Amino acid sequence: MAVGLVGWHTLLTGHLGVVPHPMHAQVVGEHGDSEVLTWPLATIGGTTLDAFCHLHQVRLDAKTQAAH
């Protein structure tokens, strides 16, 4: 599923319940099936995505990531 950077921000911030402004993430590759979402590099307000999820008790496992 190709979502692009804007789509990824929208889906992820909706799942986490945050506004998209403090979120920073990258999509690499060409638009479409070759794009890759860089989950480990994503940050929210300067906090890594893993740390943010741990602090706010939000589950973001591989199944959730695959859905986005």
Protein backbone atom coordinates (compact mmCIF):
# COMPACT_ATOMS: atom_id res chain seq x y z
CA MET A 1 0.00 0.00 0.00
CA ALA A 2 1.61 3.24 -1.10
CA VAL A 3 0.67 6.11 1.20
CA GLY A 4 3.41 8.70 0.67
CA LEU A 5 4.75 11.01 3.35
CA VAL A 6 1.57 13.06 3.89
CA GLY A 7 -0.57 9.94 4.07
CA TRP A 8 1.83 8.31 6.51
CA HIS A 9 1.82 11.37 8.78
CA THR A 10 -1.98 11.48 8.67
CA LEU A 11 -2.40 7.78 9.46
CA LEU A 12 0.26 7.71 12.17
CA THR A 13 -0.77 10.90 13.95
CA GLY A 14 -4.37 9.73 13.89
CA HIS A 15 -3.37 6.40 15.45
CA LEU A 16 -1.25 8.14 18.10
CA GLY A 17 -3.71 10.95 18.79
CA VAL A 18 -1.25 13.79 18.15
CA VAL A 19 -1.21 16.74 15.76
CA PRO A 20 1.13 16.27 12.78
CA HIS A 21 3.26 19.39 13.35
CA PRO A 22 5.79 17.93 15.83
CA MET A 23 6.16 14.67 13.87
CA HIS A 24 9.18 14.17 11.64
CA ALA A 25 9.51 11.13 9.41
CA GLN A 26 10.80 10.19 5.99
CA VAL A 27 9.70 8.03 3.13
CA VAL A 28 12.50 6.78 0.88
CA GLY A 29 12.28 5.41 -2.63
CA GLU A 30 10.08 6.40 -5.52
CA HIS A 31 6.37 7.06 -5.09
CA GLY A 32 4.37 3.87 -5.29
CA ASP A 33 5.28 0.29 -4.51
CA SER A 34 9.00 1.01 -4.05
CA GLU A 35 8.60 3.57 -1.23
CA VAL A 36 9.71 2.56 2.26
CA LEU A 37 8.45 4.13 5.49
CA THR A 38 11.39 4.77 7.83
CA TRP A 39 9.72 3.76 11.11
CA PRO A 40 12.93 3.69 13.22
CA LEU A 41 13.82 7.26 12.22
CA ALA A 42 10.44 8.83 13.01
CA THR A 43 10.25 11.29 15.91
CA ILE A 44 7.47 13.17 17.66
CA GLY A 45 8.56 16.36 19.37
CA GLY A 46 12.16 15.14 19.24
CA THR A 47 11.29 11.84 20.94
CA THR A 48 11.79 8.62 18.99
CA LEU A 49 8.60 6.89 17.95
CA ASP A 50 9.42 3.86 20.13
CA ALA A 51 10.02 6.03 23.20
CA PHE A 52 6.86 8.07 22.54
CA CYS A 53 4.75 4.92 22.29
CA HIS A 54 6.29 3.54 25.49
CA LEU A 55 5.72 6.79 27.42
CA HIS A 56 2.10 7.08 26.26
CA GLN A 57 1.36 3.35 26.41
CA VAL A 58 0.47 3.20 22.72
CA ARG A 59 0.91 -0.09 20.93
CA LEU A 60 2.63 0.21 17.57
CA ASP A 61 3.64 -3.31 16.67
CA ALA A 62 4.60 -4.84 13.32
CA LYS A 63 0.94 -5.58 12.49
CA THR A 64 -0.01 -1.93 13.02
CA GLN A 65 2.98 -0.78 10.98
CA ALA A 66 2.10 -3.15 8.13
CA ALA A 67 -1.41 -1.68 8.01
CA HIS A 68 0.08 1.75 7.32
